[in-house]
Amino acid sequence: MMRNFIIASSIIKFILVAAIMGVITAALYFYVSPDFPIYSYVVFFYTVVLALLFRIYLSGETTTRRRFAYLSIPALMFAFWATVHTLFEDYNVQALIYHSVYGFTSEGIPKQYFLFGLFCLIGVLIIIAAMIMGVRQSPLFSKIDKFAFVPLIVFNPFVIETAQGLGLGAGEQQSLPAYYHPAVNIRHDGSDRPNVIHIFLESAEQTLENEEYFGPVMQPLLEFKTKGLSATNISQVKNTEWTIAGTIAATCGVPLIQPWLTTRNADHIQGRFMPNITCLGDVLKSDGYHTEYMIGADVRFAGTDLFARDHGFENVMGLQELYKYYPNERNEWGLSDQAIFIHAEKSFRKLSKKDQPVLLTLATIGGHPPSGYPSAGCLDGTIAIKSTEPMGIGLECANALTRDMLHSLDADGLLENTIVIIQSDHLMMGSDFTSRLNKLERRNFFMAFGPNIKPEEIDRSASMMDVYPTILEMLGYELPEGAAALGVSLYSDKKNLMEQLGQEELNQAIQFDADLRRLLWLDHDVGSDS
């Protein structure tokens, strides 16, 4: 009778502790962001482990003086992997290495990222503390801690995906340099050189056009889609998944890959950023264009200044250069989109008066996860916005600012000889919209209109690298078979890499191709092992 009572009492205590831990964990999680796709099994794991080990603590006595739990190591690894995967919807080792060198954020860690990271850190530290209790007070758990350590390291997603990201154990894959077409010595097919306005909208993927799921966030741009080319099937391939990587893919025709992962002698890396590629800025500057690059973040963020200045942009402007003009337009990332569009329009109007064609490239921040960064004008009603969710307001605000600038320039005839390109920089990372986005087929957004661009929708399978030769052909440059770098123009009959290899094989080749790294970064022949 007494034994049954003790068992029942233990079960009740366990359930009560599990319930309390579950409520605390869920409250912390939903306070950070209720729609973040953190996996329910992680929360469940937190709850059960904490409750079980706390129960051991309540009833046990110290059986060992060991003050360290071996399982804390795989727990930390898993926590890091889960946090990164949740925030960015991918665990990309090369992106982490790149940003560890060139910077993760412009002005520090945004509040919601910090809170989410803190939530994960506190959770894993509590679990480690509970594991140490278990090791000290339960002989059974102490044995489990020893024997489970190696399997949990070997099969840890952190270890597996880190090894894959570094190319360890990679098998045979396609050699991408065989598909590479240098965009050098290309000829313009006429004397007319239109101006170019190239707008990268943060996270504004085509999937967001589904109004049933996302409301009117893309409505401000829809009027422009019928004026020219709309590409509706641009997938996201490896190493084009973050802003600078997507920008390089769309303007240089290559993924952003690291030179130091598989090359033995880093001394051969030249001082310039990807010195062996020719990008849109390089081509247009050599053809007499005045080139400007404008962002709200610090231009040093993610090596943006190194890329832009090394690839044809004469004037690169960001937070440091523009803050004095817009001191009241700050946000966690830098300057608001409203400030950038105001300055971009002023700059374009001034440059349009000169007898020199203009390339103006700008990037927004309003649609940045996890919940958007709308400009003040969209919050106080100055700019009419229909969306009501924070993420939707940030996205629609950037799109409305794009529309309003183009309407203003068009009203004064400044778009008559201007090609306008509007596109997403990449698919959206972990955000308030993620659970809805993942229910749909996700594609990047790309459209362009202007002189000699006929209205049409192209649905062929492509990647962001195919945008580069498409833009060159729009501008009247003659490309052999419509190819430049690793991209093939959407107008060309030649099959692109998505069509030839498929997305999975192309991703593998990008991730593991050492010859491509050497081709893009090193000053010696492809295949050299020095």
Foldseek 3Di string as FASTA:
>chain_A
DVVVVVVVVLVVQLVVQLVVLLVVLVVLVVVLPVQQPQDPVVSVVLSNLLSVLVSLLVPFDFDDPDQFQLVLVLLVLLLVLSLCCRFFVDDALQVVVLCVVLNDAQQDDDPSSVSSNVSSVVSSVSSRNSLSSCLGTPVVSVVCSVPCNVVSCVPRPSNVVNCVLLQHPFDDADFLVVLFDAPPPWDFPDDAFFAEEEEAEAQPFPLCVPCVQNNCLQVLPPVQQQFFEWEDAAAAAPQLADQVQLVCLQFFLAHDGDLPSQADDCVQFDPADLLQTATNLQVQVVVFAAEEEEEAGDCSRSPNVRVQVSHHHPYYDYQVRQCVVPVPQQDSRGGALLSRLVVQLVVLVVVLVDPTHYYYYYYHQQQADAQGDATPCLVVVVQDDDDDGRNSSSSSRNSSSVSVSVVVCVVVVNQQRYKYKYWHSHHHGRYSSVVVSVVDDTRITIDIHYPPGHNDYQHDHHHSSQNNLQVVVVSRIDDDQSDHTQHRHSPGPDDHCCRVPNRVSVNSCSSNNSQVSCSRGGDDHRPDRD
